[in-house]
Amino acid sequence: MVMLGCGTWPTSVVAGEPREGGEQQLRVIESAAAQFEFTPSEIQVSVVESERLVVRSIDVEPDKAIQTLGIGEKILSGGELIPVDFVIGELGRYRTSSMLTGVAANAGVAQPTVGPDSEVDLVVDVLEPNFALILLPTTRRMPHNKFAFRLTHRSSRPLNGGARFGNLFEDFFGFDSSALIGLELRYGLLPGTQVGFYRSNSKNIQIFARQNLLGQRGPYGIGLDVQVSIEGGNNFRGRFNSNDSRELSGSVAGILSKSFGEWASVYVEPTWVGNVDKPGRFHPSVDDDDDDADDDNAFMLGLGARLRVRPTVYLIGEYAPRLGGFDDGAHHLSFAIEKRAGGHTFQLNFSNSLGTTPAQMAQGGSKDDWFIGFNIARKFF
């Protein structure tokens, strides 16, 4: 029996006899945390069988975990679902102190989630709170029939050098300048399959699809996705109105992720991008009319990491050297600080490029300048 309580109310876990017969399956138990009560207030659990307590905080932010079981998950206010998988190893009553924030496994070790599923897709992943690092995609799964939104903003005024360096503060570090702004909407088409549409105020449009092959929340902490995209300038008019295929760029990327506990995740992303050498680059250092066919395509190796420095604060870095093909300009490099709040993430980033799509990353960044920007993301689930 699990009795859930808030404030000074006692909370305890009572393990009963194992359930009989059949192959063990993970049982999902949903609970809502509000001021002075949990709903339901009692839950029966069994010994040596996998259980998952999924808790949603309605109006409070409980403190600390169930001390006698060793670990727990912090429940944030705002209605996010927090999953805690556990296995009780022996009969007995396990008592907690203060407010409940989670249930831990036998011997204080949480059992890993066994593969991705619809329940896992809906809950908060503290190592993958969003679907991108800064520009590089992550292996975060989109729940079926759910939506997510992202806004990207890059200020065009460089942060460093030049005669205007003394005016940096007066220009509010570049935010007073004109900006490249993009809006993205993504949708969970099928379990593990997401599609999206991204458009910037430069009239560049990207349409993409991503398929999850391996979930990072599995027992080995490894995720694997494949993403394909197509993008074009001038609202695709170069392709649809004049049959100028050079206005379109395609990309194919493999996304491999590895999590380390609850504090870090790293990413390796081999990416091929077609038709990179075309007019309209943000940071050209050679003639835009160079038509060397050998340099039309590029192969990048995206490298990224997210470090969780506080429960809801992250440091992020990404680097995308081009290993073959088009190599004009600097390799993409960016770093950021990010804050998670409910279903939102707020990110302040610094980059050597104004680009925000795979083709723009492959086109190269500035060799001399850095730019400030931000991303705001919202999950509608």
Protein backbone atom coordinates (compact mmCIF):
# COMPACT_ATOMS: atom_id res chain seq x y z
CA MET A 1 0.00 0.00 0.00
CA VAL A 2 1.29 3.46 -0.89
CA MET A 3 -0.15 6.37 1.08
CA LEU A 4 0.58 9.78 -0.43
CA GLY A 5 0.51 13.02 1.54
CA CYS A 6 1.62 16.65 1.52
CA GLY A 7 2.80 19.07 4.18
CA THR A 8 2.97 17.43 7.58
CA TRP A 9 0.79 14.50 6.60
CA PRO A 10 2.64 11.16 6.86
CA THR A 11 3.51 9.28 3.70
CA SER A 12 4.34 5.60 3.65
CA VAL A 13 4.94 2.70 1.27
CA VAL A 14 3.71 -0.74 2.23
CA ALA A 15 4.83 -3.68 0.09
CA GLY A 16 2.50 -6.65 -0.12
CA GLU A 17 2.81 -10.16 -1.52
CA PRO A 18 3.79 -10.51 -5.20
CA ARG A 19 0.99 -10.74 -7.75
CA GLU A 20 0.45 -14.21 -9.17
CA GLY A 21 1.01 -15.59 -12.65
CA GLY A 22 2.11 -14.33 -16.03
CA GLU A 23 4.95 -12.25 -17.30
CA GLN A 24 5.67 -9.09 -15.35
CA GLN A 25 4.56 -5.84 -16.94
CA LEU A 26 5.16 -2.27 -15.85
CA ARG A 27 2.04 -0.93 -14.12
CA VAL A 28 1.44 2.81 -14.44
CA ILE A 29 -0.12 4.56 -11.42
CA GLU A 30 -1.31 8.13 -11.98
CA SER A 31 -1.51 10.60 -9.09
CA ALA A 32 -2.19 14.32 -8.68
CA ALA A 33 -0.44 16.39 -5.99
CA ALA A 34 -2.31 19.37 -4.54
CA GLN A 35 -2.03 21.37 -1.33
CA PHE A 36 -2.60 19.01 1.65
CA GLU A 37 -3.64 16.00 -0.44
CA PHE A 38 -2.70 13.45 -3.07
CA THR A 39 -5.26 11.77 -5.31
CA PRO A 40 -5.61 8.84 -4.91
CA SER A 41 -4.41 8.78 -1.31
CA GLU A 42 -3.68 5.03 -1.22
CA ILE A 43 -2.14 2.76 -3.84
CA GLN A 44 -1.44 -0.96 -3.51
CA VAL A 45 1.93 -2.19 -4.79
CA SER A 46 3.55 -5.61 -4.86
CA VAL A 47 7.02 -6.96 -4.14
CA VAL A 48 9.60 -7.48 -6.94
CA GLU A 49 7.30 -6.16 -9.66
CA SER A 50 7.89 -3.04 -11.72
CA GLU A 51 5.69 -0.06 -10.89
CA ARG A 52 5.65 3.48 -12.24
CA LEU A 53 4.21 6.34 -10.23
CA VAL A 54 3.28 9.24 -12.53
CA VAL A 55 2.67 12.40 -10.48
CA ARG A 56 1.27 15.74 -11.62
CA SER A 57 1.55 18.76 -9.29
CA ILE A 58 -1.57 20.93 -9.45
CA ASP A 59 -0.75 23.88 -7.20
CA VAL A 60 2.33 23.11 -5.07
CA GLU A 61 6.04 22.31 -5.56
CA PRO A 62 6.82 19.56 -3.04
CA ASP A 63 10.22 19.31 -1.39
CA LYS A 64 12.68 16.39 -1.02
CA ALA A 65 12.09 12.72 -1.64
CA ILE A 66 10.99 9.65 0.28
CA GLN A 67 14.04 9.54 2.51
CA THR A 68 13.88 5.89 3.55
CA LEU A 69 14.01 4.70 -0.04
CA GLY A 70 17.07 6.76 -0.85
CA ILE A 71 16.14 8.83 -3.90
CA GLY A 72 13.24 10.65 -5.54
CA GLU A 73 12.20 13.04 -8.27
CA LYS A 74 11.35 16.69 -7.68
CA ILE A 75 7.76 17.51 -8.66
CA LEU A 76 7.55 20.95 -10.25
CA SER A 77 4.39 23.00 -10.10
CA GLY A 78 2.70 23.68 -13.41
CA GLY A 79 1.08 20.37 -14.21
CA GLU A 80 3.98 18.45 -15.78
CA LEU A 81 3.87 14.66 -15.48
CA ILE A 82 6.83 13.26 -13.53
CA PRO A 83 7.49 9.49 -13.82
CA VAL A 84 9.21 7.50 -11.07
CA ASP A 85 9.86 3.81 -11.70
CA PHE A 86 10.43 1.60 -8.67
CA VAL A 87 10.65 -1.97 -7.44
CA ILE A 88 10.18 -2.88 -3.75
CA GLY A 89 12.49 -5.73 -2.84
CA GLU A 90 10.91 -7.05 0.34
CA LEU A 91 7.81 -6.89 2.50
CA GLY A 92 7.55 -3.97 4.87
CA ARG A 93 6.45 -0.38 5.46
CA TYR A 94 8.60 2.45 4.10
CA ARG A 95 7.95 5.79 5.73
CA THR A 96 8.72 9.24 4.29
CA SER A 97 9.16 12.69 5.73
CA SER A 98 7.67 16.06 4.71
CA MET A 99 6.24 16.36 1.19
CA LEU A 100 6.31 13.55 -1.34
CA THR A 101 8.39 13.95 -4.48
CA GLY A 102 8.84 10.40 -5.63
CA VAL A 103 9.25 6.72 -4.93
CA ALA A 104 12.62 5.02 -5.34
CA ALA A 105 13.58 1.46 -6.06
CA ASN A 106 14.79 -1.28 -3.76
CA ALA A 107 18.28 -0.50 -2.38
CA GLY A 108 17.91 3.10 -3.52
CA VAL A 109 18.39 2.39 -7.22
CA ALA A 110 15.64 3.43 -9.64
CA GLN A 111 14.78 0.90 -12.28
CA PRO A 112 15.20 2.27 -15.82
CA THR A 113 12.22 2.69 -18.07
CA VAL A 114 11.96 -0.29 -20.40
CA GLY A 115 11.83 1.34 -23.81
CA PRO A 116 9.84 4.34 -25.03
CA ASP A 117 6.05 4.28 -24.89
CA SER A 118 3.13 6.71 -24.92
CA GLU A 119 3.31 7.33 -21.17
CA VAL A 120 7.03 8.15 -21.27
CA ASP A 121 6.55 10.51 -24.22
CA LEU A 122 4.22 12.69 -22.16
CA VAL A 123 6.38 13.15 -19.10
CA VAL A 124 9.31 15.45 -18.45
CA ASP A 125 12.75 14.21 -19.46
CA VAL A 126 15.25 16.19 -17.37
CA LEU A 127 18.06 15.48 -19.85
CA GLU A 128 16.04 16.11 -23.02
CA PRO A 129 13.55 18.84 -22.13
CA ASN A 130 13.27 19.94 -25.74
CA PHE A 131 13.57 18.74 -29.34
CA ALA A 132 16.79 20.63 -30.11
CA LEU A 133 19.99 21.64 -28.35
CA ILE A 134 20.54 25.06 -29.92
CA LEU A 135 20.19 24.14 -33.58
CA LEU A 136 21.17 20.46 -33.56
CA PRO A 137 18.19 18.11 -33.07
CA THR A 138 17.89 15.78 -30.07
CA THR A 139 16.29 12.35 -29.76
CA ARG A 140 13.37 13.67 -27.68
CA ARG A 141 10.20 11.87 -28.78
CA MET A 142 7.06 13.79 -29.69
CA PRO A 143 3.90 12.27 -28.20
CA HIS A 144 1.34 11.06 -30.70
CA ASN A 145 -1.16 13.76 -31.75
CA LYS A 146 0.60 16.47 -29.69
CA PHE A 147 2.14 19.77 -30.75
CA ALA A 148 5.20 21.81 -29.84
CA PHE A 149 6.23 25.35 -30.81
CA ARG A 150 9.62 27.08 -31.02
CA LEU A 151 10.73 30.63 -31.73
CA THR A 152 14.31 31.42 -32.76
CA HIS A 153 15.80 34.94 -32.70
CA ARG A 154 19.28 35.97 -33.88
CA SER A 155 20.37 39.61 -33.63
CA SER A 156 22.29 40.77 -36.70
CA ARG A 157 24.57 43.20 -34.85
CA PRO A 158 27.90 41.46 -34.09
CA LEU A 159 28.97 41.35 -30.45
CA ASN A 160 32.65 41.91 -31.13
CA GLY A 161 35.03 44.26 -32.95
CA GLY A 162 34.59 47.15 -35.30
CA ALA A 163 33.98 50.85 -34.83
CA ARG A 164 30.64 50.16 -33.17
CA PHE A 165 32.09 48.08 -30.35
CA GLY A 166 31.80 51.05 -27.97
CA ASN A 167 28.08 51.22 -28.71
CA LEU A 168 27.44 47.60 -27.69
CA PHE A 169 25.79 48.53 -24.40
CA GLU A 170 23.77 51.31 -26.04
CA ASP A 171 22.56 48.79 -28.61
CA PHE A 172 21.50 46.47 -25.75
CA PHE A 173 24.13 43.91 -26.78
CA GLY A 174 22.65 43.71 -30.26
CA PHE A 175 18.99 43.20 -29.43
CA ASP A 176 18.19 46.68 -30.77
CA SER A 177 19.37 45.60 -34.21
CA SER A 178 17.39 43.88 -36.92
CA ALA A 179 17.04 40.15 -36.34
CA LEU A 180 16.55 36.85 -38.11
CA ILE A 181 13.40 35.36 -36.55
CA GLY A 182 12.00 31.91 -37.15
CA LEU A 183 8.81 30.10 -36.09
CA GLU A 184 8.55 26.32 -35.86
CA LEU A 185 5.59 24.03 -35.30
CA ARG A 186 6.04 20.27 -34.90
CA TYR A 187 3.47 17.49 -34.58
CA GLY A 188 3.50 13.89 -33.36
CA LEU A 189 2.25 12.13 -36.48
CA LEU A 190 2.69 8.61 -35.11
CA PRO A 191 4.25 7.14 -31.96
CA GLY A 192 7.95 7.88 -32.44
CA THR A 193 7.35 9.88 -35.64
CA GLN A 194 7.27 13.69 -35.74
CA VAL A 195 6.99 16.19 -38.55
CA GLY A 196 7.56 19.91 -38.53
CA PHE A 197 7.42 23.20 -40.41
CA TYR A 198 9.87 26.08 -39.85
CA ARG A 199 9.84 29.51 -41.53
CA SER A 200 12.08 32.52 -40.95
CA ASN A 201 11.52 36.16 -41.80
CA SER A 202 14.13 35.74 -44.54
CA LYS A 203 11.40 33.69 -46.28
CA ASN A 204 13.35 30.46 -45.91
CA ILE A 205 11.12 27.44 -45.27
CA GLN A 206 12.16 24.07 -43.87
CA ILE A 207 9.93 20.98 -43.78
CA PHE A 208 11.26 18.00 -41.81
CA ALA A 209 10.37 14.55 -40.51
CA ARG A 210 12.08 12.57 -37.76
CA GLN A 211 11.78 8.90 -36.82
CA ASN A 212 12.84 7.55 -33.43
CA LEU A 213 14.57 4.16 -33.60
CA LEU A 214 15.91 3.83 -30.06
CA GLY A 215 14.79 5.66 -26.91
CA GLN A 216 17.33 7.40 -24.68
CA ARG A 217 15.21 6.50 -21.65
CA GLY A 218 15.95 2.82 -22.12
CA PRO A 219 18.23 0.83 -19.81
CA TYR A 220 21.38 1.78 -21.74
CA GLY A 221 20.63 5.49 -21.99
CA ILE A 222 21.16 5.54 -25.77
CA GLY A 223 18.87 7.25 -28.28
CA LEU A 224 18.88 7.00 -32.06
CA ASP A 225 16.84 9.02 -34.58
CA VAL A 226 16.89 9.66 -38.31
CA GLN A 227 15.79 13.05 -39.65
CA VAL A 228 15.22 14.21 -43.22
CA SER A 229 14.40 17.74 -44.32
CA ILE A 230 13.99 19.95 -47.35
CA GLU A 231 14.27 23.72 -47.37
CA GLY A 232 14.10 26.55 -49.86
CA GLY A 233 14.34 30.31 -50.02
CA ASN A 234 11.79 32.87 -51.16
CA ASN A 235 8.94 30.67 -49.86
CA PHE A 236 9.99 27.83 -52.20
CA ARG A 237 9.21 30.00 -55.24
CA GLY A 238 12.57 29.24 -56.82
CA ARG A 239 11.48 25.60 -57.15
CA PHE A 240 7.75 25.83 -57.80
CA ASN A 241 7.57 28.87 -60.08
CA SER A 242 10.80 28.85 -62.06
CA ASN A 243 11.96 25.23 -61.81
CA ASP A 244 15.25 26.44 -60.34
CA SER A 245 16.26 23.40 -58.29
CA ARG A 246 19.24 25.29 -56.88
CA GLU A 247 16.84 27.06 -54.53
CA LEU A 248 16.15 23.79 -52.69
CA SER A 249 18.45 22.05 -50.21
CA GLY A 250 17.92 18.63 -48.67
CA SER A 251 19.49 16.99 -45.64
CA VAL A 252 19.67 13.57 -44.00
CA ALA A 253 20.94 13.21 -40.43
CA GLY A 254 21.51 10.41 -37.97
CA ILE A 255 21.11 11.51 -34.34
CA LEU A 256 22.86 9.42 -31.68
CA SER A 257 22.52 10.40 -28.02
CA LYS A 258 23.91 9.04 -24.76
CA SER A 259 22.73 10.04 -21.29
CA PHE A 260 24.85 9.97 -18.15
CA GLY A 261 22.77 9.66 -15.02
CA GLU A 262 20.51 12.69 -14.61
CA TRP A 263 23.16 15.33 -15.29
CA ALA A 264 24.48 15.13 -18.84
CA SER A 265 23.73 13.94 -22.35
CA VAL A 266 25.95 14.02 -25.44
CA TYR A 267 25.11 13.88 -29.14
CA VAL A 268 26.87 12.77 -32.33
CA GLU A 269 25.06 13.63 -35.56
CA PRO A 270 26.51 12.77 -39.00
CA THR A 271 24.63 14.94 -41.50
CA TRP A 272 24.64 15.19 -45.28
CA VAL A 273 23.34 18.44 -46.81
CA GLY A 274 22.74 18.88 -50.53
CA ASN A 275 22.93 22.07 -52.60
CA VAL A 276 24.76 24.18 -50.05
CA ASP A 277 26.67 26.49 -52.39
CA LYS A 278 23.86 28.79 -53.55
CA PRO A 279 23.05 32.52 -53.37
CA GLY A 280 21.77 34.13 -50.21
CA ARG A 281 24.35 32.94 -47.69
CA PHE A 282 24.58 34.95 -44.45
CA HIS A 283 28.39 34.88 -44.16
CA PRO A 284 29.94 34.49 -47.63
CA SER A 285 33.70 34.85 -47.96
CA VAL A 286 33.89 33.90 -51.65
CA ASP A 287 31.92 34.94 -54.72
CA ASP A 288 28.31 33.74 -54.52
CA ASP A 289 28.44 32.90 -58.23
CA ASP A 290 31.02 30.16 -57.73
CA ASP A 291 29.43 27.14 -59.42
CA ASP A 292 32.00 24.49 -58.62
CA ALA A 293 29.79 21.37 -58.62
CA ASP A 294 32.26 19.52 -56.43
CA ASP A 295 31.43 21.90 -53.59
CA ASP A 296 27.64 21.90 -53.88
CA ASN A 297 27.14 19.39 -51.06
CA ALA A 298 28.54 19.11 -47.55
CA PHE A 299 29.01 16.43 -44.92
CA MET A 300 28.92 17.68 -41.30
CA LEU A 301 29.49 15.92 -38.00
CA GLY A 302 27.31 17.59 -35.39
CA LEU A 303 28.68 17.32 -31.84
CA GLY A 304 26.67 18.56 -28.88
CA ALA A 305 26.21 18.26 -25.13
CA ARG A 306 23.71 19.37 -22.50
CA LEU A 307 24.91 19.67 -18.89
CA ARG A 308 22.31 19.94 -16.14
CA VAL A 309 23.87 22.31 -13.59
CA ARG A 310 20.67 22.85 -11.57
CA PRO A 311 17.40 20.88 -11.52
CA THR A 312 15.95 23.11 -14.26
CA VAL A 313 19.05 24.95 -15.59
CA TYR A 314 21.35 23.70 -18.36
CA LEU A 315 24.57 24.63 -20.12
CA ILE A 316 24.63 23.64 -23.81
CA GLY A 317 27.31 23.56 -26.47
CA GLU A 318 27.36 22.39 -30.07
CA TYR A 319 29.90 22.25 -32.90
CA ALA A 320 29.38 21.10 -36.49
CA PRO A 321 32.63 20.76 -38.45
CA ARG A 322 32.26 20.00 -42.16
CA LEU A 323 34.34 16.97 -43.01
CA GLY A 324 33.76 16.99 -46.75
CA GLY A 325 32.40 19.04 -49.63
CA PHE A 326 31.57 22.72 -49.30
CA ASP A 327 33.73 24.32 -46.59
CA ASP A 328 33.52 28.08 -47.05
CA GLY A 329 33.40 30.14 -43.86
CA ALA A 330 33.84 29.00 -40.27
CA HIS A 331 32.38 25.78 -38.88
CA HIS A 332 29.17 26.28 -36.88
CA LEU A 333 29.86 26.83 -33.17
CA SER A 334 27.35 27.85 -30.51
CA PHE A 335 26.82 27.69 -26.76
CA ALA A 336 23.89 28.58 -24.51
CA ILE A 337 22.34 28.67 -21.07
CA GLU A 338 18.81 27.33 -20.79
CA LYS A 339 16.04 27.41 -18.17
CA ARG A 340 13.12 25.00 -18.03
CA ALA A 341 9.87 26.29 -16.53
CA GLY A 342 6.77 24.14 -16.79
CA GLY A 343 6.21 23.33 -20.45
CA HIS A 344 8.51 26.18 -21.56
CA THR A 345 12.24 26.39 -22.14
CA PHE A 346 14.01 29.74 -22.37
CA GLN A 347 17.47 29.79 -23.92
CA LEU A 348 20.06 32.55 -24.34
CA ASN A 349 22.65 31.59 -26.95
CA PHE A 350 25.80 32.86 -28.63
CA SER A 351 26.83 31.75 -32.12
CA ASN A 352 29.26 32.53 -34.92
CA SER A 353 26.39 32.35 -37.41
CA LEU A 354 22.93 33.78 -38.05
CA GLY A 355 21.77 30.56 -39.69
CA THR A 356 19.19 28.30 -38.04
CA THR A 357 18.59 25.42 -40.51
CA PRO A 358 20.79 22.50 -41.64
CA ALA A 359 21.64 24.14 -44.99
CA GLN A 360 22.46 27.45 -43.32
CA MET A 361 24.71 25.68 -40.80
CA ALA A 362 26.49 23.90 -43.67
CA GLN A 363 26.99 27.21 -45.48
CA GLY A 364 29.37 28.28 -42.73
CA GLY A 365 29.56 31.00 -40.11
CA SER A 366 31.51 34.20 -39.68
CA LYS A 367 35.25 33.89 -39.10
CA ASP A 368 35.33 37.14 -37.13
CA ASP A 369 31.95 37.86 -35.50
CA TRP A 370 29.70 36.46 -32.80
CA PHE A 371 25.96 37.02 -32.47
CA ILE A 372 23.56 36.89 -29.54
CA GLY A 373 20.19 35.21 -29.78
CA PHE A 374 17.54 33.28 -27.95
CA ASN A 375 15.17 30.36 -28.40
CA ILE A 376 11.77 30.00 -26.71
CA ALA A 377 10.04 26.62 -26.88
CA ARG A 378 6.63 25.46 -25.68
CA LYS A 379 5.24 21.93 -25.48
CA PHE A 380 1.45 21.65 -25.68
CA PHE A 381 1.18 18.49 -23.58
